[in-house]
């Protein structure tokens, strides 16, 4: 009996030692992340994209990813494509709802040479998963967003479809790497069946016996926060450009008349004074994101009568730094 117990202790200590070494041996993976550029819809969209690409090149990241609401596919997008392509490393896209204002998913996916509306890829010791929450559900049938058909009751918007959820289960089970999730709508708040998606992620963590799914990044809400739910950290990436305030924004004091007439979005938005983005470093120990702190271009939210939040979302002009320790 004593030999059996000693042997079990020896096996456990050996496993812990090997795991410790494995964590230290993980090669860092770095990426730049940006969301909701809405580049053609604001007067300095090209300059904001340029700032993001220059930061990605300067930081020598392994890849650059944008979380949706990006650019259009007509002739106006050519200058933006050229700037985006100045980053010579790997580039990835997530479908956003406004990307589908004029296009079907098939058209937009093909236009940006995406692998699919949802997909996954590996980089070093990490597995990255891109999800698509751009689906309608009326209680009976799921329909994809297409050509602005999603301007309906908010309770019918922002669903992940069953086909994709089955794929997600299989994709998670097929890897032994630590997983990072990307979506446009937040799985923790804005996705209407986010609880079902979170259950899939949490079940895989239980099944695999370690924190396989550690982080989930999202955009869409033009806000910034970090929250942990059942061992998974959810990070909201602020828009690179502006916040939509759903009321007149005194933009006539912010931009000249010709600019406001050309960019109608500005009438109910407050832009930031610089492009917001994050630089994320993943190691065996955890994740660190260096954010960007900007300011509201005046008139500020307080000057137009707003508080510190819009609904449940903090009203801020920054992406805060984040540090997450992986748990095992």
C-alpha atoms as a PDB file:
ATOM      1  CA  UNK A   1       0.000   0.000   0.000  1.00  0.00           C
ATOM      2  CA  UNK A   2       2.809   2.410   0.956  1.00  0.00           C
ATOM      3  CA  UNK A   3       4.600   1.702  -2.348  1.00  0.00           C
ATOM      4  CA  UNK A   4       1.370   2.391  -4.258  1.00  0.00           C
ATOM      5  CA  UNK A   5       0.855   5.723  -2.508  1.00  0.00           C
ATOM      6  CA  UNK A   6       4.493   6.727  -3.028  1.00  0.00           C
ATOM      7  CA  UNK A   7       4.256   5.755  -6.686  1.00  0.00           C
ATOM      8  CA  UNK A   8       1.095   7.853  -7.133  1.00  0.00           C
ATOM      9  CA  UNK A   9       2.802  10.817  -5.473  1.00  0.00           C
ATOM     10  CA  UNK A  10       5.811  10.336  -7.763  1.00  0.00           C
ATOM     11  CA  UNK A  11       3.569  10.295 -10.862  1.00  0.00           C
ATOM     12  CA  UNK A  12       1.741  13.414  -9.688  1.00  0.00           C
ATOM     13  CA  UNK A  13       4.951  15.330  -8.970  1.00  0.00           C
ATOM     14  CA  UNK A  14       6.393  14.264 -12.325  1.00  0.00           C
ATOM     15  CA  UNK A  15       3.262  15.441 -14.135  1.00  0.00           C
ATOM     16  CA  UNK A  16       3.322  18.761 -12.315  1.00  0.00           C
ATOM     17  CA  UNK A  17       7.008  19.192 -13.132  1.00  0.00           C
ATOM     18  CA  UNK A  18       6.420  18.405 -16.809  1.00  0.00           C
ATOM     19  CA  UNK A  19       3.437  20.784 -16.889  1.00  0.00           C
ATOM     20  CA  UNK A  20       5.518  23.557 -15.325  1.00  0.00           C
ATOM     21  CA  UNK A  21       8.221  23.043 -17.924  1.00  0.00           C
ATOM     22  CA  UNK A  22       5.625  22.959 -20.690  1.00  0.00           C
ATOM     23  CA  UNK A  23       4.191  26.294 -19.591  1.00  0.00           C
ATOM     24  CA  UNK A  24       7.657  27.840 -19.593  1.00  0.00           C
ATOM     25  CA  UNK A  25       8.433  26.347 -23.006  1.00  0.00           C
ATOM     26  CA  UNK A  26       5.423  27.943 -24.680  1.00  0.00           C
ATOM     27  CA  UNK A  27       6.635  30.448 -27.250  1.00  0.00           C
ATOM     28  CA  UNK A  28       4.914  33.838 -26.948  1.00  0.00           C
ATOM     29  CA  UNK A  29       2.336  34.740 -29.589  1.00  0.00           C
ATOM     30  CA  UNK A  30       1.586  38.423 -30.166  1.00  0.00           C
ATOM     31  CA  UNK A  31      -1.212  40.004 -32.133  1.00  0.00           C
ATOM     32  CA  UNK A  32      -2.771  43.397 -32.751  1.00  0.00           C
ATOM     33  CA  UNK A  33      -6.531  43.670 -32.329  1.00  0.00           C
ATOM     34  CA  UNK A  34      -8.928  46.378 -33.488  1.00  0.00           C
ATOM     35  CA  UNK A  35     -12.690  46.615 -33.812  1.00  0.00           C
ATOM     36  CA  UNK A  36     -15.425  48.742 -35.357  1.00  0.00           C
ATOM     37  CA  UNK A  37     -13.209  50.953 -37.483  1.00  0.00           C
ATOM     38  CA  UNK A  38     -16.179  51.926 -39.711  1.00  0.00           C
ATOM     39  CA  UNK A  39     -13.401  53.364 -41.829  1.00  0.00           C
ATOM     40  CA  UNK A  40     -15.422  54.782 -44.780  1.00  0.00           C
ATOM     41  CA  UNK A  41     -18.029  56.334 -42.471  1.00  0.00           C
ATOM     42  CA  UNK A  42     -15.866  58.821 -40.583  1.00  0.00           C
ATOM     43  CA  UNK A  43     -13.686  61.642 -41.922  1.00  0.00           C
ATOM     44  CA  UNK A  44     -10.343  60.243 -40.736  1.00  0.00           C
ATOM     45  CA  UNK A  45     -11.018  56.513 -41.157  1.00  0.00           C
ATOM     46  CA  UNK A  46      -8.004  56.010 -43.395  1.00  0.00           C
ATOM     47  CA  UNK A  47      -5.673  57.666 -40.892  1.00  0.00           C
ATOM     48  CA  UNK A  48      -7.042  55.545 -38.057  1.00  0.00           C
ATOM     49  CA  UNK A  49      -6.461  52.363 -40.009  1.00  0.00           C
ATOM     50  CA  UNK A  50      -2.960  53.577 -40.844  1.00  0.00           C
ATOM     51  CA  UNK A  51      -2.233  54.088 -37.134  1.00  0.00           C
ATOM     52  CA  UNK A  52      -3.330  50.521 -36.336  1.00  0.00           C
ATOM     53  CA  UNK A  53      -1.263  48.995 -39.140  1.00  0.00           C
ATOM     54  CA  UNK A  54       1.809  51.040 -38.210  1.00  0.00           C
ATOM     55  CA  UNK A  55       1.486  49.879 -34.586  1.00  0.00           C
ATOM     56  CA  UNK A  56       1.188  46.244 -35.695  1.00  0.00           C
ATOM     57  CA  UNK A  57       4.322  46.580 -37.821  1.00  0.00           C
ATOM     58  CA  UNK A  58       6.209  48.459 -35.123  1.00  0.00           C
ATOM     59  CA  UNK A  59       5.348  45.836 -32.508  1.00  0.00           C
ATOM     60  CA  UNK A  60       6.270  43.033 -34.938  1.00  0.00           C
ATOM     61  CA  UNK A  61       3.161  41.049 -34.035  1.00  0.00           C
ATOM     62  CA  UNK A  62       2.456  37.581 -35.418  1.00  0.00           C
ATOM     63  CA  UNK A  63      -0.909  38.605 -36.847  1.00  0.00           C
ATOM     64  CA  UNK A  64      -3.452  41.417 -37.070  1.00  0.00           C
ATOM     65  CA  UNK A  65      -7.162  40.827 -36.518  1.00  0.00           C
ATOM     66  CA  UNK A  66     -10.193  43.112 -36.812  1.00  0.00           C
ATOM     67  CA  UNK A  67     -13.475  42.239 -35.082  1.00  0.00           C
ATOM     68  CA  UNK A  68     -15.971  43.504 -37.652  1.00  0.00           C
ATOM     69  CA  UNK A  69     -17.690  46.663 -38.954  1.00  0.00           C
ATOM     70  CA  UNK A  70     -14.678  47.292 -41.123  1.00  0.00           C
ATOM     71  CA  UNK A  71     -14.982  48.578 -44.716  1.00  0.00           C
ATOM     72  CA  UNK A  72     -17.188  48.189 -47.792  1.00  0.00           C
ATOM     73  CA  UNK A  73     -16.399  46.155 -50.881  1.00  0.00           C
ATOM     74  CA  UNK A  74     -17.038  48.780 -53.565  1.00  0.00           C
ATOM     75  CA  UNK A  75     -14.486  51.063 -55.228  1.00  0.00           C
ATOM     76  CA  UNK A  76     -14.332  53.286 -52.142  1.00  0.00           C
ATOM     77  CA  UNK A  77     -12.583  50.507 -50.237  1.00  0.00           C
ATOM     78  CA  UNK A  78      -9.481  50.398 -52.448  1.00  0.00           C
ATOM     79  CA  UNK A  79      -7.464  52.965 -50.416  1.00  0.00           C
ATOM     80  CA  UNK A  80      -8.360  51.134 -47.192  1.00  0.00           C
ATOM     81  CA  UNK A  81      -7.309  47.782 -48.659  1.00  0.00           C
ATOM     82  CA  UNK A  82      -3.935  49.252 -49.618  1.00  0.00           C
ATOM     83  CA  UNK A  83      -3.352  50.534 -46.095  1.00  0.00           C
ATOM     84  CA  UNK A  84      -4.492  47.256 -44.488  1.00  0.00           C
ATOM     85  CA  UNK A  85      -2.132  45.339 -46.775  1.00  0.00           C
ATOM     86  CA  UNK A  86       0.810  47.408 -45.545  1.00  0.00           C
ATOM     87  CA  UNK A  87       0.885  44.944 -42.679  1.00  0.00           C
ATOM     88  CA  UNK A  88       2.818  42.128 -44.302  1.00  0.00           C
ATOM     89  CA  UNK A  89       2.030  39.474 -41.726  1.00  0.00           C
ATOM     90  CA  UNK A  90      -1.088  37.335 -41.392  1.00  0.00           C
ATOM     91  CA  UNK A  91      -4.383  39.230 -41.283  1.00  0.00           C
ATOM     92  CA  UNK A  92      -7.752  37.920 -40.074  1.00  0.00           C
ATOM     93  CA  UNK A  93     -11.319  39.203 -40.186  1.00  0.00           C
ATOM     94  CA  UNK A  94     -14.492  38.728 -38.156  1.00  0.00           C
ATOM     95  CA  UNK A  95     -17.913  39.429 -39.665  1.00  0.00           C
ATOM     96  CA  UNK A  96     -19.682  42.446 -38.166  1.00  0.00           C
ATOM     97  CA  UNK A  97     -23.345  43.334 -38.527  1.00  0.00           C
ATOM     98  CA  UNK A  98     -22.661  46.536 -40.484  1.00  0.00           C
ATOM     99  CA  UNK A  99     -20.437  44.599 -42.893  1.00  0.00           C
ATOM    100  CA  UNK A 100     -23.738  43.050 -43.985  1.00  0.00           C
ATOM    101  CA  UNK A 101     -25.633  46.286 -44.553  1.00  0.00           C
ATOM    102  CA  UNK A 102     -25.050  45.977 -48.308  1.00  0.00           C
ATOM    103  CA  UNK A 103     -23.897  42.392 -48.775  1.00  0.00           C
ATOM    104  CA  UNK A 104     -24.679  38.778 -48.040  1.00  0.00           C
ATOM    105  CA  UNK A 105     -22.263  36.808 -45.902  1.00  0.00           C
ATOM    106  CA  UNK A 106     -21.085  34.879 -48.952  1.00  0.00           C
ATOM    107  CA  UNK A 107     -20.285  38.132 -50.763  1.00  0.00           C
ATOM    108  CA  UNK A 108     -18.439  39.674 -47.845  1.00  0.00           C
ATOM    109  CA  UNK A 109     -16.492  36.511 -46.998  1.00  0.00           C
ATOM    110  CA  UNK A 110     -15.389  36.208 -50.628  1.00  0.00           C
ATOM    111  CA  UNK A 111     -14.615  39.923 -50.861  1.00  0.00           C
ATOM    112  CA  UNK A 112     -12.178  39.781 -47.942  1.00  0.00           C
ATOM    113  CA  UNK A 113     -10.831  36.305 -48.792  1.00  0.00           C
ATOM    114  CA  UNK A 114     -11.963  34.938 -45.425  1.00  0.00           C
ATOM    115  CA  UNK A 115     -11.830  31.146 -44.912  1.00  0.00           C
ATOM    116  CA  UNK A 116     -15.521  31.226 -43.986  1.00  0.00           C
ATOM    117  CA  UNK A 117     -18.055  33.073 -41.875  1.00  0.00           C
ATOM    118  CA  UNK A 118     -16.605  31.133 -38.939  1.00  0.00           C
ATOM    119  CA  UNK A 119     -13.258  29.346 -38.860  1.00  0.00           C
ATOM    120  CA  UNK A 120     -10.218  28.551 -36.735  1.00  0.00           C
ATOM    121  CA  UNK A 121      -6.448  28.679 -37.048  1.00  0.00           C
ATOM    122  CA  UNK A 122      -3.368  27.795 -35.025  1.00  0.00           C
ATOM    123  CA  UNK A 123      -0.421  29.973 -34.135  1.00  0.00           C
ATOM    124  CA  UNK A 124       2.293  28.394 -32.033  1.00  0.00           C
ATOM    125  CA  UNK A 125       0.816  26.699 -28.972  1.00  0.00           C
ATOM    126  CA  UNK A 126      -2.525  28.493 -29.270  1.00  0.00           C
ATOM    127  CA  UNK A 127      -5.744  27.773 -31.159  1.00  0.00           C
ATOM    128  CA  UNK A 128      -7.825  30.739 -32.328  1.00  0.00           C
ATOM    129  CA  UNK A 129     -11.534  30.520 -33.141  1.00  0.00           C
ATOM    130  CA  UNK A 130     -13.521  33.114 -35.110  1.00  0.00           C
ATOM    131  CA  UNK A 131     -17.304  33.028 -34.588  1.00  0.00           C
ATOM    132  CA  UNK A 132     -20.289  34.519 -36.413  1.00  0.00           C
ATOM    133  CA  UNK A 133     -23.135  35.927 -34.309  1.00  0.00           C
ATOM    134  CA  UNK A 134     -24.862  37.633 -37.229  1.00  0.00           C
ATOM    135  CA  UNK A 135     -28.050  35.596 -37.409  1.00  0.00           C
ATOM    136  CA  UNK A 136     -31.742  36.279 -36.861  1.00  0.00           C
ATOM    137  CA  UNK A 137     -33.966  33.894 -34.914  1.00  0.00           C
ATOM    138  CA  UNK A 138     -37.736  34.289 -34.632  1.00  0.00           C
ATOM    139  CA  UNK A 139     -38.267  31.303 -32.355  1.00  0.00           C
ATOM    140  CA  UNK A 140     -38.651  28.944 -35.299  1.00  0.00           C
ATOM    141  CA  UNK A 141     -36.020  29.611 -37.917  1.00  0.00           C
ATOM    142  CA  UNK A 142     -32.471  30.978 -38.097  1.00  0.00           C
ATOM    143  CA  UNK A 143     -31.696  33.393 -40.923  1.00  0.00           C
ATOM    144  CA  UNK A 144     -28.346  34.990 -41.771  1.00  0.00           C
ATOM    145  CA  UNK A 145     -27.930  38.738 -41.785  1.00  0.00           C
ATOM    146  CA  UNK A 146     -27.989  39.988 -45.384  1.00  0.00           C
ATOM    147  CA  UNK A 147     -28.365  43.450 -46.874  1.00  0.00           C
ATOM    148  CA  UNK A 148     -29.536  45.118 -43.656  1.00  0.00           C
ATOM    149  CA  UNK A 149     -32.361  42.669 -42.903  1.00  0.00           C
ATOM    150  CA  UNK A 150     -31.423  42.739 -39.214  1.00  0.00           C
ATOM    151  CA  UNK A 151     -33.069  46.085 -38.432  1.00  0.00           C
ATOM    152  CA  UNK A 152     -35.786  44.332 -36.441  1.00  0.00           C
ATOM    153  CA  UNK A 153     -36.639  43.720 -32.786  1.00  0.00           C
ATOM    154  CA  UNK A 154     -33.349  43.395 -30.876  1.00  0.00           C
ATOM    155  CA  UNK A 155     -34.582  40.148 -29.293  1.00  0.00           C
ATOM    156  CA  UNK A 156     -34.483  38.538 -32.745  1.00  0.00           C
ATOM    157  CA  UNK A 157     -30.899  39.608 -33.525  1.00  0.00           C
ATOM    158  CA  UNK A 158     -27.377  38.397 -32.726  1.00  0.00           C
ATOM    159  CA  UNK A 159     -27.680  34.614 -32.565  1.00  0.00           C
ATOM    160  CA  UNK A 160     -25.197  31.851 -33.263  1.00  0.00           C
ATOM    161  CA  UNK A 161     -26.859  29.196 -35.418  1.00  0.00           C
ATOM    162  CA  UNK A 162     -27.032  25.481 -34.430  1.00  0.00           C
ATOM    163  CA  UNK A 163     -24.807  24.373 -37.332  1.00  0.00           C
ATOM    164  CA  UNK A 164     -22.043  26.654 -36.087  1.00  0.00           C
ATOM    165  CA  UNK A 165     -22.434  25.516 -32.482  1.00  0.00           C
ATOM    166  CA  UNK A 166     -22.013  21.889 -33.516  1.00  0.00           C
ATOM    167  CA  UNK A 167     -18.908  22.865 -35.460  1.00  0.00           C
ATOM    168  CA  UNK A 168     -17.600  24.723 -32.394  1.00  0.00           C
ATOM    169  CA  UNK A 169     -17.936  21.631 -30.195  1.00  0.00           C
ATOM    170  CA  UNK A 170     -16.009  19.519 -32.698  1.00  0.00           C
ATOM    171  CA  UNK A 171     -13.363  22.167 -33.294  1.00  0.00           C
ATOM    172  CA  UNK A 172     -12.694  22.552 -29.576  1.00  0.00           C
ATOM    173  CA  UNK A 173     -12.511  18.800 -29.024  1.00  0.00           C
ATOM    174  CA  UNK A 174     -10.066  18.371 -31.907  1.00  0.00           C
ATOM    175  CA  UNK A 175      -7.302  20.501 -30.380  1.00  0.00           C
ATOM    176  CA  UNK A 176      -5.208  20.173 -27.243  1.00  0.00           C
ATOM    177  CA  UNK A 177      -3.997  23.776 -27.462  1.00  0.00           C
ATOM    178  CA  UNK A 178      -5.222  26.644 -25.335  1.00  0.00           C
ATOM    179  CA  UNK A 179      -8.056  28.436 -27.161  1.00  0.00           C
ATOM    180  CA  UNK A 180      -8.784  32.113 -27.755  1.00  0.00           C
ATOM    181  CA  UNK A 181     -12.200  33.184 -29.100  1.00  0.00           C
ATOM    182  CA  UNK A 182     -13.010  36.132 -31.367  1.00  0.00           C
ATOM    183  CA  UNK A 183     -16.530  37.375 -32.158  1.00  0.00           C
ATOM    184  CA  UNK A 184     -18.163  40.641 -33.139  1.00  0.00           C
ATOM    185  CA  UNK A 185     -21.060  40.531 -30.656  1.00  0.00           C
ATOM    186  CA  UNK A 186     -20.005  39.766 -27.090  1.00  0.00           C
ATOM    187  CA  UNK A 187     -20.754  36.222 -25.935  1.00  0.00           C
ATOM    188  CA  UNK A 188     -21.136  37.528 -22.382  1.00  0.00           C
ATOM    189  CA  UNK A 189     -23.681  40.298 -23.090  1.00  0.00           C
ATOM    190  CA  UNK A 190     -24.844  41.066 -26.627  1.00  0.00           C
ATOM    191  CA  UNK A 191     -25.274  37.638 -28.224  1.00  0.00           C
ATOM    192  CA  UNK A 192     -28.863  36.596 -27.547  1.00  0.00           C
ATOM    193  CA  UNK A 193     -27.981  32.919 -27.136  1.00  0.00           C
ATOM    194  CA  UNK A 194     -24.619  33.670 -25.571  1.00  0.00           C
ATOM    195  CA  UNK A 195     -25.442  31.479 -22.559  1.00  0.00           C
ATOM    196  CA  UNK A 196     -25.640  28.455 -24.869  1.00  0.00           C
ATOM    197  CA  UNK A 197     -22.298  29.340 -26.417  1.00  0.00           C
ATOM    198  CA  UNK A 198     -20.721  29.858 -22.996  1.00  0.00           C
ATOM    199  CA  UNK A 199     -22.028  26.425 -21.949  1.00  0.00           C
ATOM    200  CA  UNK A 200     -20.154  24.855 -24.874  1.00  0.00           C
ATOM    201  CA  UNK A 201     -16.934  26.625 -23.885  1.00  0.00           C
ATOM    202  CA  UNK A 202     -17.303  25.760 -20.199  1.00  0.00           C
ATOM    203  CA  UNK A 203     -18.178  22.124 -20.925  1.00  0.00           C
ATOM    204  CA  UNK A 204     -15.040  21.758 -23.032  1.00  0.00           C
ATOM    205  CA  UNK A 205     -12.965  23.117 -20.154  1.00  0.00           C
ATOM    206  CA  UNK A 206     -14.525  20.507 -17.851  1.00  0.00           C
ATOM    207  CA  UNK A 207     -14.117  17.719 -20.393  1.00  0.00           C
ATOM    208  CA  UNK A 208     -10.483  18.510 -21.159  1.00  0.00           C
ATOM    209  CA  UNK A 209      -9.529  18.925 -17.497  1.00  0.00           C
ATOM    210  CA  UNK A 210      -7.830  22.300 -17.889  1.00  0.00           C
ATOM    211  CA  UNK A 211      -8.620  25.878 -18.838  1.00  0.00           C
ATOM    212  CA  UNK A 212      -8.588  25.122 -22.547  1.00  0.00           C
ATOM    213  CA  UNK A 213     -10.781  28.128 -23.401  1.00  0.00           C
ATOM    214  CA  UNK A 214      -9.215  31.048 -21.589  1.00  0.00           C
ATOM    215  CA  UNK A 215     -10.145  34.277 -23.370  1.00  0.00           C
ATOM    216  CA  UNK A 216     -12.905  35.673 -25.577  1.00  0.00           C
ATOM    217  CA  UNK A 217     -12.549  39.016 -27.375  1.00  0.00           C
ATOM    218  CA  UNK A 218     -15.484  40.946 -28.868  1.00  0.00           C
ATOM    219  CA  UNK A 219     -16.407  44.361 -30.247  1.00  0.00           C
ATOM    220  CA  UNK A 220     -19.753  45.743 -31.480  1.00  0.00           C
ATOM    221  CA  UNK A 221     -20.752  47.711 -28.370  1.00  0.00           C
ATOM    222  CA  UNK A 222     -18.172  50.527 -28.734  1.00  0.00           C
ATOM    223  CA  UNK A 223     -17.216  50.176 -25.092  1.00  0.00           C
ATOM    224  CA  UNK A 224     -14.462  48.711 -22.920  1.00  0.00           C
ATOM    225  CA  UNK A 225     -14.634  46.235 -20.056  1.00  0.00           C
ATOM    226  CA  UNK A 226     -13.249  42.918 -18.847  1.00  0.00           C
ATOM    227  CA  UNK A 227     -15.248  40.323 -16.947  1.00  0.00           C
ATOM    228  CA  UNK A 228     -14.736  36.709 -15.892  1.00  0.00           C
ATOM    229  CA  UNK A 229     -17.548  34.162 -16.115  1.00  0.00           C
ATOM    230  CA  UNK A 230     -16.928  30.623 -14.858  1.00  0.00           C
ATOM    231  CA  UNK A 231     -13.190  30.746 -15.461  1.00  0.00           C
ATOM    232  CA  UNK A 232     -13.248  32.417 -18.901  1.00  0.00           C
ATOM    233  CA  UNK A 233     -12.254  36.070 -19.324  1.00  0.00           C
ATOM    234  CA  UNK A 234     -14.342  38.182 -21.704  1.00  0.00           C
ATOM    235  CA  UNK A 235     -12.728  41.327 -23.096  1.00  0.00           C
ATOM    236  CA  UNK A 236     -14.749  44.016 -24.874  1.00  0.00           C
ATOM    237  CA  UNK A 237     -12.632  45.899 -27.434  1.00  0.00           C
ATOM    238  CA  UNK A 238     -13.760  49.497 -27.909  1.00  0.00           C
ATOM    239  CA  UNK A 239     -14.346  50.933 -31.360  1.00  0.00           C
ATOM    240  CA  UNK A 240     -11.233  52.330 -32.974  1.00  0.00           C
ATOM    241  CA  UNK A 241     -13.212  55.411 -33.952  1.00  0.00           C
ATOM    242  CA  UNK A 242     -16.296  56.550 -32.034  1.00  0.00           C
ATOM    243  CA  UNK A 243     -19.218  55.824 -29.738  1.00  0.00           C
ATOM    244  CA  UNK A 244     -22.833  55.933 -30.959  1.00  0.00           C
ATOM    245  CA  UNK A 245     -24.900  57.819 -28.356  1.00  0.00           C
ATOM    246  CA  UNK A 246     -28.417  57.547 -29.847  1.00  0.00           C
ATOM    247  CA  UNK A 247     -29.069  61.293 -29.473  1.00  0.00           C
ATOM    248  CA  UNK A 248     -27.804  64.502 -31.122  1.00  0.00           C
ATOM    249  CA  UNK A 249     -24.091  64.856 -30.384  1.00  0.00           C
ATOM    250  CA  UNK A 250     -23.530  68.583 -31.071  1.00  0.00           C
ATOM    251  CA  UNK A 251     -21.347  67.533 -33.961  1.00  0.00           C
ATOM    252  CA  UNK A 252     -21.745  70.979 -35.504  1.00  0.00           C
ATOM    253  CA  UNK A 253     -19.291  72.094 -32.785  1.00  0.00           C
ATOM    254  CA  UNK A 254     -16.944  69.219 -33.625  1.00  0.00           C
ATOM    255  CA  UNK A 255     -16.692  69.315 -37.412  1.00  0.00           C
ATOM    256  CA  UNK A 256     -17.405  71.843 -40.162  1.00  0.00           C
ATOM    257  CA  UNK A 257     -20.709  71.701 -42.010  1.00  0.00           C
ATOM    258  CA  UNK A 258     -19.325  69.989 -45.140  1.00  0.00           C
ATOM    259  CA  UNK A 259     -17.896  67.145 -43.053  1.00  0.00           C
ATOM    260  CA  UNK A 260     -21.141  66.609 -41.152  1.00  0.00           C
ATOM    261  CA  UNK A 261     -23.147  66.627 -44.368  1.00  0.00           C
ATOM    262  CA  UNK A 262     -20.844  64.024 -45.925  1.00  0.00           C
ATOM    263  CA  UNK A 263     -20.728  61.705 -42.884  1.00  0.00           C
ATOM    264  CA  UNK A 264     -24.246  61.390 -41.511  1.00  0.00           C
ATOM    265  CA  UNK A 265     -23.135  58.972 -38.777  1.00  0.00           C
ATOM    266  CA  UNK A 266     -21.495  61.878 -36.931  1.00  0.00           C
ATOM    267  CA  UNK A 267     -24.817  63.460 -35.959  1.00  0.00           C
ATOM    268  CA  UNK A 268     -25.325  60.899 -33.163  1.00  0.00           C
ATOM    269  CA  UNK A 269     -21.725  59.914 -32.493  1.00  0.00           C
ATOM    270  CA  UNK A 270     -18.769  61.233 -30.539  1.00  0.00           C
ATOM    271  CA  UNK A 271     -15.422  60.435 -32.100  1.00  0.00           C
ATOM    272  CA  UNK A 272     -12.194  59.674 -30.233  1.00  0.00           C
ATOM    273  CA  UNK A 273      -9.130  61.836 -30.765  1.00  0.00           C
ATOM    274  CA  UNK A 274      -6.990  58.852 -31.785  1.00  0.00           C
ATOM    275  CA  UNK A 275      -7.351  55.321 -33.097  1.00  0.00           C
ATOM    276  CA  UNK A 276      -7.945  52.742 -30.348  1.00  0.00           C
ATOM    277  CA  UNK A 277      -6.457  49.231 -30.571  1.00  0.00           C
ATOM    278  CA  UNK A 278      -4.718  46.631 -28.434  1.00  0.00           C
ATOM    279  CA  UNK A 279      -1.470  44.675 -28.591  1.00  0.00           C
ATOM    280  CA  UNK A 280      -1.885  41.245 -26.982  1.00  0.00           C
ATOM    281  CA  UNK A 281       0.906  38.928 -25.822  1.00  0.00           C
ATOM    282  CA  UNK A 282       0.108  35.292 -24.995  1.00  0.00           C
ATOM    283  CA  UNK A 283       2.500  33.086 -23.031  1.00  0.00           C
ATOM    284  CA  UNK A 284       2.213  29.840 -21.123  1.00  0.00           C
ATOM    285  CA  UNK A 285       1.530  31.863 -17.996  1.00  0.00           C
ATOM    286  CA  UNK A 286      -1.195  34.150 -19.270  1.00  0.00           C
ATOM    287  CA  UNK A 287      -2.154  37.073 -21.482  1.00  0.00           C
ATOM    288  CA  UNK A 288      -1.332  40.756 -21.389  1.00  0.00           C
ATOM    289  CA  UNK A 289      -2.927  43.426 -23.543  1.00  0.00           C
ATOM    290  CA  UNK A 290      -1.529  46.912 -23.912  1.00  0.00           C
ATOM    291  CA  UNK A 291      -4.444  49.172 -24.774  1.00  0.00           C
ATOM    292  CA  UNK A 292      -4.776  52.719 -26.091  1.00  0.00           C
ATOM    293  CA  UNK A 293      -6.021  55.676 -24.082  1.00  0.00           C
ATOM    294  CA  UNK A 294      -7.688  58.485 -25.985  1.00  0.00           C
ATOM    295  CA  UNK A 295     -10.065  61.357 -25.321  1.00  0.00           C
ATOM    296  CA  UNK A 296     -13.491  62.309 -26.626  1.00  0.00           C
ATOM    297  CA  UNK A 297     -13.429  65.045 -29.225  1.00  0.00           C
ATOM    298  CA  UNK A 298     -15.459  67.846 -27.637  1.00  0.00           C
ATOM    299  CA  UNK A 299     -18.275  68.361 -26.971  1.00  0.00           C
ATOM    300  CA  UNK A 300     -17.751  65.454 -24.570  1.00  0.00           C
ATOM    301  CA  UNK A 301     -20.474  63.070 -23.342  1.00  0.00           C
ATOM    302  CA  UNK A 302     -20.975  65.155 -20.182  1.00  0.00           C
ATOM    303  CA  UNK A 303     -21.334  68.292 -22.282  1.00  0.00           C
ATOM    304  CA  UNK A 304     -24.190  66.679 -24.215  1.00  0.00           C
ATOM    305  CA  UNK A 305     -25.876  65.509 -21.024  1.00  0.00           C
ATOM    306  CA  UNK A 306     -24.685  61.908 -20.725  1.00  0.00           C
ATOM    307  CA  UNK A 307     -23.343  60.031 -17.715  1.00  0.00           C
ATOM    308  CA  UNK A 308     -20.633  57.397 -17.399  1.00  0.00           C
ATOM    309  CA  UNK A 309     -22.428  54.663 -19.329  1.00  0.00           C
ATOM    310  CA  UNK A 310     -24.976  53.919 -22.016  1.00  0.00           C
ATOM    311  CA  UNK A 311     -27.145  51.157 -20.619  1.00  0.00           C
ATOM    312  CA  UNK A 312     -24.833  48.504 -19.196  1.00  0.00           C
ATOM    313  CA  UNK A 313     -21.851  49.642 -21.278  1.00  0.00           C
ATOM    314  CA  UNK A 314     -19.184  51.998 -19.889  1.00  0.00           C
ATOM    315  CA  UNK A 315     -18.941  55.233 -21.878  1.00  0.00           C
ATOM    316  CA  UNK A 316     -15.191  55.583 -22.323  1.00  0.00           C
ATOM    317  CA  UNK A 317     -12.666  56.713 -24.939  1.00  0.00           C
ATOM    318  CA  UNK A 318     -10.038  54.056 -24.287  1.00  0.00           C
ATOM    319  CA  UNK A 319      -9.053  50.414 -24.369  1.00  0.00           C
ATOM    320  CA  UNK A 320      -7.592  49.617 -20.978  1.00  0.00           C
ATOM    321  CA  UNK A 321      -4.621  47.375 -20.315  1.00  0.00           C
ATOM    322  CA  UNK A 322      -5.535  43.800 -19.368  1.00  0.00           C
ATOM    323  CA  UNK A 323      -3.572  41.096 -17.563  1.00  0.00           C
ATOM    324  CA  UNK A 324      -4.959  37.558 -17.251  1.00  0.00           C
ATOM    325  CA  UNK A 325      -3.283  34.602 -15.549  1.00  0.00           C
ATOM    326  CA  UNK A 326      -4.111  31.229 -17.062  1.00  0.00           C
ATOM    327  CA  UNK A 327      -5.460  28.762 -14.499  1.00  0.00           C
ATOM    328  CA  UNK A 328      -4.868  25.031 -14.468  1.00  0.00           C
END
